[in-house]
Amino acid sequence: MNKIVLFFKRILLTIWFYLGLIWYVGIYGTWVIIRSKIIEKTKGKEKAEEYIINVLKKFGKNAFKLMGVKVYVESEFDLSQMGDEAYMIVANHQSLLDIPLIIGYVFPTAFIAKKELSKVPIVSFFIEALGSVFIERGNATQSAKALRELRKKLIDGQKLVLFPEGTRTLDGEVKPFKRGSLMIPYRYKVKILPVAIDGAYEIAKKGRLYITPHPINITIFKPVNPEEFGSEAELRDYIYKLIASKVNKKEEFEEVV
């Protein structure tokens, strides 16, 4: 009986998810873009960017509320203390839901994103509006240019999100971080805010079209100072173990509304 109930829940949630995606991203997203252009012309670029960030932050939370997904957050750090200081938010990568999850429940910040996302209509506009940097794998020239852009943004106090696994997990476990993936924060002495995501994998697994209801736990750790480590490898190993310690633990924290 439970299997039958779960089966119908999956069908209903999947239909609801894709209808919501069409409405929220396609229709509402187009309206937001048009309105932001109007605000930019009448009130300036800064006001337009402020409007987009507020919309995205609300979207990050509303997306999960509309799906009926409970999000629990445990935080060791008051995010308001970040101020104008540059931070690299480092998180494990469980599903396509990770981006709206971080925008809504951690910080509405820029991403180091795959170049392919720059070709997705509407979505690419919002990723760029956050100040994200696109990196094309296998293109040394473009990657070098992207790294220079990243360096400038961090110097200017920008906050950026990095998924050091390089791709989404296939089994829910935290994959080994790619060698040199934390070289940027290590080299430029940028504080790292480790974030563990647990449960998003169960909702939308890589290569699976249907959606399964499941709660999500987020752990926001205290910032880590790269200057306290002797090498990028040592820093990478520490952050990896920290994040992995909170994944697949079946804990539930305080729900964020």
Protein backbone atom coordinates (compact mmCIF):
# COMPACT_ATOMS: atom_id res chain seq x y z
CA MET A 1 0.00 0.00 0.00
CA ASN A 2 2.83 2.40 0.90
CA LYS A 3 4.47 1.72 -2.46
CA ILE A 4 1.24 2.58 -4.28
CA VAL A 5 0.84 5.82 -2.30
CA LEU A 6 4.47 6.75 -2.99
CA PHE A 7 3.98 5.98 -6.69
CA PHE A 8 1.04 8.39 -6.98
CA LYS A 9 2.86 11.00 -4.90
CA ARG A 10 5.75 10.83 -7.33
CA ILE A 11 3.44 11.23 -10.34
CA LEU A 12 1.59 14.20 -8.84
CA LEU A 13 4.77 15.87 -7.62
CA THR A 14 6.48 15.38 -10.98
CA ILE A 15 3.54 16.90 -12.89
CA TRP A 16 3.38 19.77 -10.38
CA PHE A 17 7.15 20.30 -10.63
CA TYR A 18 7.25 20.59 -14.42
CA LEU A 19 4.11 22.75 -14.59
CA GLY A 20 5.66 25.00 -11.95
CA LEU A 21 8.91 25.09 -13.91
CA ILE A 22 7.09 26.25 -17.03
CA TRP A 23 5.14 28.88 -15.10
CA TYR A 24 7.79 30.16 -12.72
CA VAL A 25 10.78 30.10 -15.04
CA GLY A 26 9.13 30.50 -18.42
CA ILE A 27 6.21 32.86 -17.87
CA TYR A 28 7.01 34.64 -14.60
CA GLY A 29 10.73 34.67 -15.42
CA THR A 30 10.05 36.48 -18.69
CA TRP A 31 7.95 39.09 -16.88
CA VAL A 32 10.75 39.64 -14.31
CA ILE A 33 13.26 40.19 -17.11
CA ILE A 34 10.98 42.76 -18.79
CA ARG A 35 10.31 44.54 -15.50
CA SER A 36 14.02 44.60 -14.62
CA LYS A 37 14.76 46.30 -17.97
CA ILE A 38 12.11 48.92 -17.20
CA ILE A 39 13.56 49.49 -13.70
CA GLU A 40 17.06 49.79 -15.18
CA LYS A 41 15.92 52.50 -17.60
CA THR A 42 13.90 54.44 -15.02
CA LYS A 43 15.84 53.92 -11.77
CA GLY A 44 19.26 52.64 -12.81
CA LYS A 45 21.18 49.38 -13.04
CA GLU A 46 21.74 49.04 -9.29
CA LYS A 47 17.99 49.11 -8.54
CA ALA A 48 17.36 46.58 -11.31
CA GLU A 49 19.96 44.20 -9.88
CA GLU A 50 18.51 44.63 -6.39
CA TYR A 51 15.05 43.75 -7.74
CA ILE A 52 16.33 40.60 -9.50
CA ILE A 53 18.22 39.38 -6.41
CA ASN A 54 15.11 39.82 -4.24
CA VAL A 55 13.03 37.89 -6.77
CA LEU A 56 15.58 35.07 -6.94
CA LYS A 57 15.82 34.80 -3.16
CA LYS A 58 12.04 34.43 -2.89
CA PHE A 59 12.05 31.97 -5.78
CA GLY A 60 14.69 29.86 -4.00
CA LYS A 61 12.36 29.34 -1.05
CA ASN A 62 9.03 29.29 -2.87
CA ALA A 63 10.22 26.55 -5.24
CA PHE A 64 10.50 24.11 -2.34
CA LYS A 65 7.37 25.29 -0.57
CA LEU A 66 5.33 24.76 -3.73
CA MET A 67 6.75 21.23 -4.05
CA GLY A 68 5.86 20.52 -0.43
CA VAL A 69 9.52 19.89 0.38
CA LYS A 70 10.57 20.75 3.93
CA VAL A 71 13.98 22.38 4.21
CA TYR A 72 15.82 22.19 7.53
CA VAL A 73 18.82 24.39 8.28
CA GLU A 74 21.51 24.13 10.94
CA SER A 75 23.86 27.12 10.94
CA GLU A 76 27.03 27.66 12.95
CA PHE A 77 27.43 31.13 11.48
CA ASP A 78 25.36 34.31 11.32
CA LEU A 79 25.29 35.01 7.58
CA SER A 80 24.68 38.70 8.18
CA GLN A 81 28.26 38.89 9.49
CA MET A 82 29.65 38.33 5.99
CA GLY A 83 29.08 41.98 5.12
CA ASP A 84 31.05 43.17 2.09
CA GLU A 85 33.87 40.65 2.59
CA ALA A 86 34.53 38.15 -0.20
CA TYR A 87 33.57 34.53 0.50
CA MET A 88 33.71 31.31 -1.46
CA ILE A 89 30.69 29.18 -0.59
CA VAL A 90 31.79 25.56 -1.09
CA ALA A 91 29.05 22.91 -1.22
CA ASN A 92 28.53 19.31 -2.26
CA HIS A 93 26.49 18.81 -5.44
CA GLN A 94 23.46 16.52 -5.14
CA SER A 95 20.98 17.69 -7.79
CA LEU A 96 19.78 20.46 -10.09
CA LEU A 97 17.89 21.79 -7.05
CA ASP A 98 21.14 22.82 -5.34
CA ILE A 99 21.28 26.23 -7.03
CA PRO A 100 17.80 27.48 -5.98
CA LEU A 101 18.44 25.84 -2.59
CA ILE A 102 21.57 27.92 -1.95
CA ILE A 103 20.01 31.10 -3.36
CA GLY A 104 16.96 30.77 -1.11
CA TYR A 105 18.39 29.36 2.11
CA VAL A 106 22.09 30.32 2.19
CA PHE A 107 22.83 33.44 0.16
CA PRO A 108 21.62 34.88 -3.20
CA THR A 109 25.06 34.75 -4.73
CA ALA A 110 26.94 34.12 -7.97
CA PHE A 111 28.00 30.70 -9.21
CA ILE A 112 30.90 29.19 -11.05
CA ALA A 113 28.73 27.60 -13.73
CA LYS A 114 29.17 25.36 -16.74
CA LYS A 115 29.36 27.20 -20.07
CA GLU A 116 26.38 25.16 -21.31
CA LEU A 117 24.07 27.02 -18.92
CA SER A 118 24.85 30.30 -20.69
CA LYS A 119 22.87 28.96 -23.67
CA VAL A 120 19.68 28.18 -21.72
CA PRO A 121 17.05 30.89 -22.35
CA ILE A 122 15.84 32.89 -19.32
CA VAL A 123 17.88 30.76 -16.88
CA SER A 124 21.13 32.19 -18.28
CA PHE A 125 19.83 35.74 -17.74
CA PHE A 126 19.31 35.15 -14.01
CA ILE A 127 22.62 33.32 -13.57
CA GLU A 128 24.40 36.25 -15.23
CA ALA A 129 22.37 38.76 -13.17
CA LEU A 130 23.84 37.23 -10.02
CA GLY A 131 27.33 37.92 -11.38
CA SER A 132 28.16 34.29 -12.13
CA VAL A 133 31.19 33.18 -14.11
CA PHE A 134 30.84 30.58 -16.87
CA ILE A 135 33.67 28.11 -17.42
CA GLU A 136 34.06 26.00 -20.55
CA ARG A 137 35.73 22.70 -19.77
CA GLY A 138 38.59 21.77 -22.06
CA ASN A 139 39.04 25.34 -23.31
CA ALA A 140 42.29 26.57 -21.72
CA THR A 141 42.00 30.10 -23.12
CA GLN A 142 38.44 30.60 -21.91
CA SER A 143 39.23 29.02 -18.53
CA ALA A 144 42.17 31.40 -18.01
CA LYS A 145 39.92 34.35 -18.84
CA ALA A 146 37.28 33.06 -16.42
CA LEU A 147 39.87 32.71 -13.65
CA ARG A 148 40.94 36.33 -14.13
CA GLU A 149 37.29 37.36 -13.91
CA LEU A 150 36.87 35.30 -10.73
CA ARG A 151 39.92 36.91 -9.17
CA LYS A 152 38.56 40.40 -9.91
CA LYS A 153 35.15 39.58 -8.44
CA LEU A 154 36.70 38.22 -5.25
CA ILE A 155 38.94 41.27 -4.89
CA ASP A 156 35.78 43.40 -5.22
CA GLY A 157 34.16 41.46 -2.35
CA GLN A 158 31.90 39.22 -4.47
CA LYS A 159 30.58 36.00 -2.95
CA LEU A 160 30.74 32.94 -5.20
CA VAL A 161 29.50 29.35 -4.97
CA LEU A 162 31.70 26.44 -5.99
CA PHE A 163 30.85 22.74 -6.31
CA PRO A 164 34.33 21.13 -6.05
CA GLU A 165 33.06 17.66 -7.00
CA GLY A 166 32.70 18.98 -10.54
CA THR A 167 29.41 17.17 -11.18
CA ARG A 168 26.35 15.83 -9.38
CA THR A 169 26.64 12.71 -7.25
CA LEU A 170 25.28 9.45 -8.64
CA ASP A 171 24.70 7.70 -5.31
CA GLY A 172 24.09 10.45 -2.75
CA GLU A 173 27.59 10.25 -1.30
CA VAL A 174 29.99 13.19 -1.50
CA LYS A 175 32.34 12.57 -4.41
CA PRO A 176 36.07 13.33 -4.01
CA PHE A 177 36.83 16.99 -4.65
CA LYS A 178 38.74 17.59 -7.86
CA ARG A 179 42.44 18.25 -7.46
CA GLY A 180 43.13 21.98 -7.30
CA SER A 181 39.41 22.82 -7.00
CA LEU A 182 40.06 25.08 -3.99
CA MET A 183 43.17 26.73 -5.43
CA ILE A 184 41.39 30.05 -5.97
CA PRO A 185 40.37 30.64 -2.33
CA TYR A 186 43.69 29.17 -1.15
CA ARG A 187 45.84 31.34 -3.41
CA TYR A 188 43.91 34.57 -2.84
CA LYS A 189 43.28 33.93 0.88
CA VAL A 190 39.49 34.08 0.52
CA LYS A 191 37.48 32.66 3.40
CA ILE A 192 35.46 29.54 2.66
CA LEU A 193 31.92 29.00 3.92
CA PRO A 194 31.37 25.20 3.79
CA VAL A 195 27.78 24.08 3.14
CA ALA A 196 26.53 20.49 3.31
CA ILE A 197 23.39 19.58 1.34
CA ASP A 198 21.65 16.34 2.30
CA GLY A 199 18.42 15.01 0.80
CA ALA A 200 18.21 16.90 -2.51
CA TYR A 201 19.64 13.81 -4.23
CA GLU A 202 16.58 11.78 -3.20
CA ILE A 203 14.23 14.31 -4.81
CA ALA A 204 15.86 14.65 -8.22
CA LYS A 205 18.53 12.07 -9.01
CA LYS A 206 20.82 12.62 -11.97
CA GLY A 207 19.37 11.00 -15.11
CA ARG A 208 15.91 10.51 -13.54
CA LEU A 209 12.90 12.47 -14.80
CA TYR A 210 10.42 11.88 -11.98
CA ILE A 211 10.47 13.74 -8.66
CA THR A 212 10.31 12.02 -5.25
CA PRO A 213 9.18 13.83 -2.07
CA HIS A 214 11.95 14.01 0.54
CA PRO A 215 13.08 16.54 3.20
CA ILE A 216 16.36 18.43 2.78
CA ASN A 217 18.91 19.22 5.47
CA ILE A 218 21.39 22.07 5.04
CA THR A 219 24.38 22.59 7.33
CA ILE A 220 26.17 25.93 7.19
CA PHE A 221 29.55 25.65 8.92
CA LYS A 222 31.73 28.38 10.39
CA PRO A 223 33.99 30.11 7.83
CA VAL A 224 37.35 28.47 7.22
CA ASN A 225 40.48 30.59 6.73
CA PRO A 226 42.76 29.12 4.01
CA GLU A 227 45.77 30.79 5.61
CA GLU A 228 45.60 28.20 8.39
CA PHE A 229 46.51 25.39 5.96
CA GLY A 230 49.89 24.46 4.51
CA SER A 231 48.61 23.52 1.06
CA GLU A 232 45.53 23.48 -1.17
CA ALA A 233 45.39 19.69 -0.79
CA GLU A 234 45.30 19.98 3.00
CA LEU A 235 42.55 22.60 2.80
CA ARG A 236 40.59 20.53 0.29
CA ASP A 237 40.79 17.41 2.45
CA TYR A 238 39.57 19.32 5.51
CA ILE A 239 36.57 20.88 3.72
CA TYR A 240 35.68 17.53 2.12
CA LYS A 241 35.61 15.70 5.48
CA LEU A 242 33.64 18.54 7.08
CA ILE A 243 30.90 18.44 4.43
CA ALA A 244 30.85 14.63 4.15
CA SER A 245 30.32 14.37 7.92
CA LYS A 246 26.82 15.82 7.51
CA VAL A 247 25.62 13.91 4.45
CA ASN A 248 23.40 10.82 4.74
CA LYS A 249 23.12 11.22 8.52
CA LYS A 250 19.29 11.13 8.60
CA GLU A 251 19.17 14.15 10.90
CA GLU A 252 16.50 16.83 10.83
CA PHE A 253 17.19 20.40 11.88
CA GLU A 254 14.98 23.41 12.40
CA GLU A 255 12.67 23.98 9.46
CA VAL A 256 13.10 27.32 7.73
CA VAL A 257 9.90 29.01 6.60
